[in-house]
Amino acid sequence: MGLLLVSMVMTIVGVGAQDSKDVSGTWTAELRNGSVFLQVRTSTPNGLKPWNGDWNMGETLPLDEFAGLPKNDDRFTAANVKFELHREAGTLAFDGAFRDGRGAGLFTFNPRAEYAAEMKALGYSDDLPLWRRFQLAVYDVGPKYIKALAAEGYAKLTLDEVQRARTHGVTIDYIREMKTLGYHPTAIGDLVRAHDHGVSPDYVKSLKAAGYSNLALEDLVRAHDHGVTPAYIEELGRIGFKNVAMEDLVRTHDHGVNAEFVQQLRDQNVTASTLDGYIRLRDHGVRAEYVRDLKAAGYDKVAADDLVRLHDHGVAPELFRELSAQGYKSVTLEQAVRLRDHGVSPEYISDMKEVGLKDLTVDDLVRLRDHGITPGFVNHVRARGIKDATAEELIRLKNGGLWRQ
């Protein structure tokens, strides 16, 4: 039977609710380097909460856990294959076909009669209907794992806690490695959270090698969540920031400050003595390109605080070039900020020149703009016979209500 036919069978079987006395469904699998990426799909029993509809599981398992599959053949092809996955709670029996290492077909779950009694002997008197035993089998939850957990200090867990630890990848090896590294929390849930957030023994070892030996488990979770890697720590060290507290590393990374950003600013002779200084520059939008463009406009050696202020006030390097083209060749940084804040643009200056108001100082331009003196108002004044009004006279006329006449 080819894979196309198997897929058709899967579609038909997948419809409808599961009989509570039978658990069966469809499967797909892919053989990869001694592992099997297995997916099973089945419909849930009628009325079972919280599920509504089909139930799916996908997991990569060692090939050795399956009986009936070839050991070293990622291109395995066969038209009629039967294999099994044996668990303490029962056996999943598969049949179907493979082509080039990819297979599909049907499965049934056969519970193991002794399982419920073995679990009860360990203190688990939970009701274990067929559907629950199927789930426990899929996730390989049984006496062996429970006893191993107890041996590592995690006894008297609820079955839900055991299942959660198992499904979230908290293996006995993981527990032992973390314990060796100094992390053996009282609650198994803390290890579940650590594993979920990517805190592996290798990650812990790498941080210890970088000088961070006494971090709490929660600190490790936060560090990993925020992207603090040994490589990041090393690159900051190379640019002079060594032995940085983990809290500061997290904050620095969160704000997007890395070695490349710092070096690019340093190449433009912009430096800060602390990471906080670079965080401030980054947060306020100061980049190496901005500094470089200011230099091209004639403003070299601008202090870090001035760069922040200029950028915060929207003073672009182009403003200085445009002001220079209007005859304002020696505008100070403070004057540029003031012009920008008061809405005096190069276009405004050009418009005022066109109506004859030339050689205005920066203060004149700001006052005219603040009082709403436009080229239109200047023409209005001249139409009333006042031909050579100064900036002060224009302001006085505007304030006196001439514009309403």
Protein backbone atom coordinates (compact mmCIF):
# COMPACT_ATOMS: atom_id res chain seq x y z
CA MET A 1 0.00 0.00 0.00
CA GLY A 2 1.53 3.34 -1.04
CA LEU A 3 1.66 6.52 1.05
CA LEU A 4 -1.11 8.15 -0.96
CA LEU A 5 -3.51 5.32 -0.07
CA VAL A 6 -2.38 5.45 3.56
CA SER A 7 -3.12 9.20 3.64
CA MET A 8 -6.62 8.52 2.35
CA VAL A 9 -7.17 5.94 5.08
CA MET A 10 -5.89 8.40 7.68
CA THR A 11 -8.38 11.04 6.58
CA ILE A 12 -11.30 8.62 6.86
CA VAL A 13 -10.27 7.19 10.23
CA GLY A 14 -9.64 10.62 11.74
CA VAL A 15 -13.28 11.60 11.54
CA GLY A 16 -15.58 11.12 14.52
CA ALA A 17 -15.16 10.86 18.29
CA GLN A 18 -13.14 8.11 19.93
CA ASP A 19 -14.86 5.17 21.57
CA SER A 20 -13.91 5.34 25.26
CA LYS A 21 -13.05 1.61 25.07
CA ASP A 22 -10.64 2.05 22.20
CA VAL A 23 -7.82 4.45 21.38
CA SER A 24 -6.65 4.44 17.78
CA GLY A 25 -5.71 6.95 15.17
CA THR A 26 -3.19 7.93 12.55
CA TRP A 27 0.55 8.47 12.57
CA THR A 28 3.32 10.01 10.50
CA ALA A 29 7.02 9.53 11.05
CA GLU A 30 10.40 10.54 9.67
CA LEU A 31 13.66 8.70 10.28
CA ARG A 32 16.55 11.05 11.07
CA ASN A 33 20.04 10.06 12.19
CA GLY A 34 19.03 7.33 14.63
CA SER A 35 15.89 9.13 15.77
CA VAL A 36 12.23 9.03 14.82
CA PHE A 37 10.21 12.21 14.54
CA LEU A 38 6.79 10.77 15.37
CA GLN A 39 3.39 12.43 15.22
CA VAL A 40 0.21 10.72 16.35
CA ARG A 41 -3.31 11.98 15.91
CA THR A 42 -6.52 10.66 17.37
CA SER A 43 -9.96 11.92 18.24
CA THR A 44 -10.80 12.46 21.90
CA PRO A 45 -13.57 10.57 23.70
CA ASN A 46 -17.00 12.15 23.62
CA GLY A 47 -17.44 14.84 26.24
CA LEU A 48 -13.81 14.79 27.39
CA LYS A 49 -12.63 18.18 28.64
CA PRO A 50 -10.66 20.36 28.01
CA TRP A 51 -10.13 18.86 24.54
CA ASN A 52 -12.61 19.40 21.77
CA GLY A 53 -11.85 17.54 18.58
CA ASP A 54 -8.62 15.82 17.63
CA TRP A 55 -5.61 15.30 19.89
CA ASN A 56 -2.10 15.55 18.43
CA MET A 57 1.37 14.83 19.72
CA GLY A 58 4.73 15.26 18.03
CA GLU A 59 8.03 14.17 19.55
CA THR A 60 11.49 13.05 18.50
CA LEU A 61 12.38 9.68 20.05
CA PRO A 62 15.45 7.44 19.85
CA LEU A 63 15.08 4.79 17.18
CA ASP A 64 16.10 2.16 19.73
CA GLU A 65 12.79 2.67 21.55
CA PHE A 66 10.88 1.21 18.60
CA ALA A 67 10.60 -2.49 17.86
CA GLY A 68 10.34 -3.38 14.19
CA LEU A 69 12.12 -0.48 12.49
CA PRO A 70 15.55 -0.81 10.81
CA LYS A 71 18.40 0.69 12.82
CA ASN A 72 20.45 2.53 10.20
CA ASP A 73 18.31 3.32 7.21
CA ASP A 74 17.10 6.91 6.88
CA ARG A 75 15.87 6.02 3.38
CA PHE A 76 13.79 3.08 4.58
CA THR A 77 11.08 2.09 2.08
CA ALA A 78 8.45 -0.60 2.63
CA ALA A 79 4.83 -1.04 1.59
CA ASN A 80 3.64 -2.97 4.65
CA VAL A 81 5.32 -2.21 7.98
CA LYS A 82 4.38 -3.10 11.54
CA PHE A 83 6.30 -1.74 14.52
CA GLU A 84 5.69 -0.98 18.18
CA LEU A 85 6.53 1.50 20.90
CA HIS A 86 6.55 -0.20 24.29
CA ARG A 87 5.76 1.84 27.39
CA GLU A 88 4.98 0.93 31.00
CA ALA A 89 1.38 2.07 30.51
CA GLY A 90 0.95 0.04 27.33
CA THR A 91 2.03 -0.42 23.74
CA LEU A 92 1.37 1.68 20.66
CA ALA A 93 1.13 -0.67 17.69
CA PHE A 94 1.70 0.95 14.27
CA ASP A 95 1.08 -0.31 10.77
CA GLY A 96 1.47 1.49 7.47
CA ALA A 97 4.12 2.22 4.88
CA PHE A 98 7.44 4.06 4.48
CA ARG A 99 8.99 5.73 1.47
CA ASP A 100 12.51 7.26 1.63
CA GLY A 101 12.42 7.33 5.42
CA ARG A 102 8.99 8.93 5.72
CA GLY A 103 6.03 6.91 6.83
CA ALA A 104 2.33 7.10 7.61
CA GLY A 105 -0.46 4.80 8.67
CA LEU A 106 -2.69 3.74 11.55
CA PHE A 107 -2.05 2.91 15.19
CA THR A 108 -3.85 1.36 18.13
CA PHE A 109 -3.09 1.56 21.83
CA ASN A 110 -3.02 -1.64 23.87
CA PRO A 111 -2.95 -0.93 27.61
CA ARG A 112 -0.78 -2.98 29.96
CA ALA A 113 -2.94 -4.61 32.61
CA GLU A 114 -0.43 -4.34 35.48
CA TYR A 115 0.15 -0.58 35.07
CA ALA A 116 -2.73 0.69 37.23
CA ALA A 117 -1.76 -1.57 40.15
CA GLU A 118 1.90 -0.53 39.90
CA MET A 119 0.93 3.13 39.99
CA LYS A 120 -1.39 2.56 42.95
CA ALA A 121 1.44 0.86 44.82
CA LEU A 122 3.41 4.10 44.41
CA GLY A 123 0.57 6.10 45.94
CA TYR A 124 -1.21 7.13 42.76
CA SER A 125 -4.83 6.23 43.26
CA ASP A 126 -5.92 8.52 40.41
CA ASP A 127 -8.60 7.21 38.14
CA LEU A 128 -6.74 5.90 35.09
CA PRO A 129 -9.25 5.34 32.30
CA LEU A 130 -7.99 4.14 28.96
CA TRP A 131 -7.60 7.64 27.53
CA ARG A 132 -5.42 8.78 30.46
CA ARG A 133 -3.29 5.66 30.23
CA PHE A 134 -2.83 6.34 26.53
CA GLN A 135 -1.50 9.82 27.27
CA LEU A 136 0.80 8.52 29.99
CA ALA A 137 2.09 5.92 27.57
CA VAL A 138 2.73 8.47 24.83
CA TYR A 139 4.76 10.62 27.24
CA ASP A 140 6.40 7.59 28.89
CA VAL A 141 5.15 8.36 32.40
CA GLY A 142 5.40 5.35 34.66
CA PRO A 143 6.91 3.80 37.79
CA LYS A 144 10.46 3.93 36.44
CA TYR A 145 10.43 7.72 35.97
CA ILE A 146 8.50 8.30 39.21
CA LYS A 147 10.97 6.24 41.26
CA ALA A 148 13.90 8.01 39.63
CA LEU A 149 12.35 11.39 40.49
CA ALA A 150 11.93 10.29 44.12
CA ALA A 151 15.56 9.18 44.24
CA GLU A 152 16.56 12.69 43.15
CA GLY A 153 14.51 14.30 45.92
CA TYR A 154 11.19 14.78 44.12
CA ALA A 155 8.85 12.40 45.89
CA LYS A 156 5.11 12.66 46.52
CA LEU A 157 4.46 14.58 43.33
CA THR A 158 0.97 14.57 41.89
CA LEU A 159 0.52 12.65 38.67
CA ASP A 160 -0.10 15.92 36.86
CA GLU A 161 3.23 17.26 38.17
CA VAL A 162 5.02 14.12 37.05
CA GLN A 163 3.44 14.27 33.61
CA ARG A 164 4.24 17.97 33.26
CA ALA A 165 7.90 17.42 34.17
CA ARG A 166 8.14 14.56 31.69
CA THR A 167 6.43 16.35 28.83
CA HIS A 168 8.51 19.49 29.37
CA GLY A 169 11.79 17.63 29.02
CA VAL A 170 12.88 17.38 32.64
CA THR A 171 14.75 14.12 32.35
CA ILE A 172 16.62 12.43 35.15
CA ASP A 173 19.88 13.31 33.40
CA TYR A 174 18.81 16.97 33.31
CA ILE A 175 18.02 16.91 37.03
CA ARG A 176 21.36 15.30 37.89
CA GLU A 177 23.40 17.65 35.72
CA MET A 178 21.69 20.72 37.15
CA LYS A 179 22.19 19.35 40.66
CA THR A 180 25.90 18.87 40.00
CA LEU A 181 26.03 22.53 38.93
CA GLY A 182 24.41 23.60 42.20
CA TYR A 183 20.79 23.83 41.16
CA HIS A 184 18.41 21.52 42.99
CA PRO A 185 15.26 23.51 43.74
CA THR A 186 12.69 22.15 46.17
CA ALA A 187 9.87 22.37 43.63
CA ILE A 188 10.10 20.36 40.42
CA GLY A 189 8.16 23.17 38.75
CA ASP A 190 11.23 25.40 39.01
CA LEU A 191 13.21 22.95 36.90
CA VAL A 192 10.32 22.72 34.44
CA ARG A 193 10.38 26.50 34.06
CA ALA A 194 14.17 26.58 33.70
CA HIS A 195 14.09 23.91 31.00
CA ASP A 196 11.19 25.60 29.21
CA HIS A 197 13.21 28.81 29.08
CA GLY A 198 16.27 27.16 27.60
CA VAL A 199 18.44 26.94 30.69
CA SER A 200 20.50 23.88 29.84
CA PRO A 201 23.49 22.51 31.77
CA ASP A 202 25.72 23.69 28.92
CA TYR A 203 24.34 27.23 29.26
CA VAL A 204 24.98 27.19 33.01
CA LYS A 205 28.52 25.89 32.49
CA SER A 206 29.27 28.55 29.91
CA LEU A 207 28.14 31.32 32.26
CA LYS A 208 30.20 29.87 35.08
CA ALA A 209 33.22 29.84 32.77
CA ALA A 210 32.53 33.51 32.03
CA GLY A 211 32.68 34.30 35.75
CA TYR A 212 29.02 34.04 36.75
CA SER A 213 29.09 31.21 39.28
CA ASN A 214 26.55 32.22 41.91
CA LEU A 215 23.46 33.09 39.93
CA ALA A 216 20.07 32.01 41.22
CA LEU A 217 18.02 29.78 38.96
CA GLU A 218 15.63 32.65 38.33
CA ASP A 219 18.58 34.83 37.26
CA LEU A 220 19.60 32.15 34.76
CA VAL A 221 16.08 32.07 33.34
CA ARG A 222 16.03 35.86 33.00
CA ALA A 223 19.50 35.98 31.45
CA HIS A 224 18.58 33.39 28.83
CA ASP A 225 15.21 34.99 28.12
CA HIS A 226 16.91 38.32 27.49
CA GLY A 227 19.58 36.93 25.18
CA VAL A 228 22.61 37.19 27.45
CA THR A 229 25.04 34.63 26.07
CA PRO A 230 28.70 33.95 26.87
CA ALA A 231 29.54 35.38 23.44
CA TYR A 232 27.77 38.63 24.34
CA ILE A 233 29.62 38.81 27.65
CA GLU A 234 32.92 38.17 25.88
CA GLU A 235 32.39 40.86 23.26
CA LEU A 236 31.60 43.45 25.92
CA GLY A 237 34.77 42.40 27.74
CA ARG A 238 36.84 42.96 24.61
CA ILE A 239 35.74 46.61 24.48
CA GLY A 240 36.56 47.20 28.13
CA PHE A 241 33.43 46.27 30.04
CA LYS A 242 34.40 43.33 32.22
CA ASN A 243 32.76 41.83 35.33
CA VAL A 244 29.46 43.50 34.54
CA ALA A 245 26.66 42.54 36.90
CA MET A 246 24.13 40.19 35.32
CA GLU A 247 21.32 42.67 35.91
CA ASP A 248 23.28 45.28 33.95
CA LEU A 249 24.03 42.79 31.18
CA VAL A 250 20.34 42.05 30.81
CA ARG A 251 19.49 45.75 30.68
CA THR A 252 22.29 46.53 28.24
CA HIS A 253 21.19 43.76 25.89
CA ASP A 254 17.54 44.78 26.19
CA HIS A 255 18.46 48.27 25.02
CA GLY A 256 20.30 46.96 21.98
CA VAL A 257 23.80 47.95 23.04
CA ASN A 258 26.46 45.58 21.78
CA ALA A 259 30.14 45.76 20.91
CA GLU A 260 29.45 46.77 17.33
CA PHE A 261 27.32 49.75 18.39
CA VAL A 262 29.94 50.91 20.90
CA GLN A 263 32.84 50.54 18.47
CA GLN A 264 31.03 52.42 15.71
CA LEU A 265 30.53 55.39 18.04
CA ARG A 266 34.12 55.20 19.25
CA ASP A 267 35.28 55.31 15.66
CA GLN A 268 33.53 58.68 15.49
CA ASN A 269 35.27 59.81 18.72
CA VAL A 270 32.07 59.51 20.75
CA THR A 271 32.72 57.73 24.01
CA ALA A 272 30.98 57.01 27.28
CA SER A 273 32.63 55.81 30.46
CA THR A 274 29.82 53.42 31.37
CA LEU A 275 27.38 51.12 29.64
CA ASP A 276 24.62 53.39 30.92
CA GLY A 277 26.14 56.14 28.81
CA TYR A 278 25.90 54.02 25.68
CA ILE A 279 22.39 52.92 26.62
CA ARG A 280 21.39 56.58 26.81
CA LEU A 281 22.87 57.31 23.39
CA ARG A 282 21.13 54.28 21.92
CA ASP A 283 17.78 55.04 23.54
CA HIS A 284 17.87 58.61 22.20
CA GLY A 285 18.54 57.50 18.64
CA VAL A 286 22.18 58.56 18.38
CA ARG A 287 23.95 56.37 15.84
CA ALA A 288 27.38 56.55 14.23
CA GLU A 289 25.82 57.68 10.95
CA TYR A 290 24.20 60.67 12.70
CA VAL A 291 27.55 61.69 14.18
CA ARG A 292 29.30 61.24 10.85
CA ASP A 293 26.73 63.43 9.07
CA LEU A 294 27.13 66.15 11.70
CA LYS A 295 30.87 66.11 11.06
CA ALA A 296 30.27 66.46 7.33
CA ALA A 297 28.11 69.50 8.11
CA GLY A 298 31.04 71.05 10.00
CA TYR A 299 30.21 70.05 13.56
CA ASP A 300 33.04 67.91 14.82
CA LYS A 301 33.70 66.76 18.39
CA VAL A 302 30.14 67.13 19.62
CA ALA A 303 29.82 65.90 23.21
CA ALA A 304 27.61 62.90 23.94
CA ASP A 305 25.10 64.98 25.92
CA ASP A 306 24.86 67.48 23.06
CA LEU A 307 24.28 64.65 20.59
CA VAL A 308 21.40 63.40 22.70
CA ARG A 309 19.89 66.87 22.96
CA LEU A 310 20.25 67.57 19.24
CA HIS A 311 18.60 64.28 18.30
CA ASP A 312 15.85 64.66 20.88
CA HIS A 313 14.95 68.05 19.40
CA GLY A 314 14.92 66.71 15.86
CA VAL A 315 18.00 68.61 14.70
CA ALA A 316 19.13 66.70 11.63
CA PRO A 317 22.56 67.29 10.06
CA GLU A 318 20.76 68.53 6.94
CA LEU A 319 19.46 71.50 8.93
CA PHE A 320 22.95 72.93 9.33
CA ARG A 321 23.65 72.64 5.61
CA GLU A 322 20.34 74.26 4.71
CA LEU A 323 20.89 77.07 7.20
CA SER A 324 24.34 77.63 5.74
CA ALA A 325 22.80 77.90 2.28
CA GLN A 326 20.57 80.68 3.66
CA GLY A 327 23.61 82.54 4.95
CA TYR A 328 23.67 81.26 8.53
CA LYS A 329 27.09 79.64 8.46
CA SER A 330 28.04 79.78 12.14
CA VAL A 331 24.91 78.58 13.87
CA THR A 332 25.68 77.18 17.31
CA LEU A 333 24.19 73.92 18.52
CA GLU A 334 22.05 75.87 20.97
CA GLN A 335 20.77 78.13 18.20
CA ALA A 336 19.96 75.13 16.02
CA VAL A 337 17.90 73.61 18.81
CA ARG A 338 16.13 76.91 19.39
CA LEU A 339 15.31 77.39 15.71
CA ARG A 340 13.98 73.85 15.51
CA ASP A 341 11.92 74.16 18.69
CA HIS A 342 10.30 77.39 17.47
CA GLY A 343 9.50 76.08 14.02
CA VAL A 344 11.96 78.26 12.11
CA SER A 345 12.78 76.20 9.04
CA PRO A 346 15.11 77.06 6.15
CA GLU A 347 11.96 77.38 4.05
CA TYR A 348 10.60 80.04 6.44
CA ILE A 349 13.86 81.97 6.23
CA SER A 350 13.76 81.81 2.41
CA ASP A 351 10.14 82.98 2.34
CA MET A 352 10.96 85.97 4.55
CA LYS A 353 13.88 86.89 2.31
CA GLU A 354 11.58 86.91 -0.69
CA VAL A 355 9.46 89.63 0.92
CA GLY A 356 12.58 91.67 1.68
CA LEU A 357 13.35 90.68 5.27
CA LYS A 358 17.04 89.86 5.00
CA ASP A 359 19.91 89.77 7.49
CA LEU A 360 17.61 88.72 10.32
CA THR A 361 19.33 87.40 13.42
CA VAL A 362 18.41 84.04 14.93
CA ASP A 363 16.59 85.93 17.71
CA ASP A 364 14.66 87.96 15.10
CA LEU A 365 13.61 84.82 13.26
CA VAL A 366 12.43 83.14 16.47
CA ARG A 367 10.44 86.18 17.60
CA LEU A 368 8.85 86.65 14.19
CA ARG A 369 7.86 83.02 14.03
CA ASP A 370 6.56 83.02 17.60
CA HIS A 371 4.33 85.99 16.82
CA GLY A 372 2.97 84.47 13.65
CA ILE A 373 4.65 86.87 11.22
CA THR A 374 4.32 85.31 7.78
CA PRO A 375 5.15 86.59 4.31
CA GLY A 376 1.42 87.11 3.86
CA PHE A 377 1.28 89.39 6.89
CA VAL A 378 4.29 91.37 5.64
CA ASN A 379 2.52 91.94 2.30
CA HIS A 380 -0.62 92.92 4.20
CA VAL A 381 1.36 95.58 6.11
CA ARG A 382 2.88 96.94 2.91
CA ALA A 383 -0.52 97.13 1.29
CA ARG A 384 -1.42 99.54 4.13
CA GLY A 385 1.46 101.81 3.10
CA ILE A 386 4.05 100.65 5.64
CA LYS A 387 6.91 99.72 3.34
CA ASP A 388 10.03 99.29 5.50
CA ALA A 389 8.79 97.90 8.79
CA THR A 390 11.47 96.30 10.96
CA ALA A 391 11.02 93.00 12.70
CA GLU A 392 10.05 94.77 15.91
CA GLU A 393 7.54 96.98 14.10
CA LEU A 394 5.98 93.99 12.41
CA ILE A 395 5.54 92.28 15.77
CA ARG A 396 4.03 95.45 17.26
CA LEU A 397 1.62 95.82 14.36
CA LYS A 398 0.59 92.18 14.62
CA ASN A 399 0.04 92.44 18.35
CA GLY A 400 -1.91 95.67 17.79
CA GLY A 401 -4.43 93.93 15.60
CA LEU A 402 -3.44 95.22 12.17
CA TRP A 403 -3.90 91.78 10.75
CA ARG A 404 -7.64 92.01 11.47
CA GLN A 405 -8.10 95.20 9.45
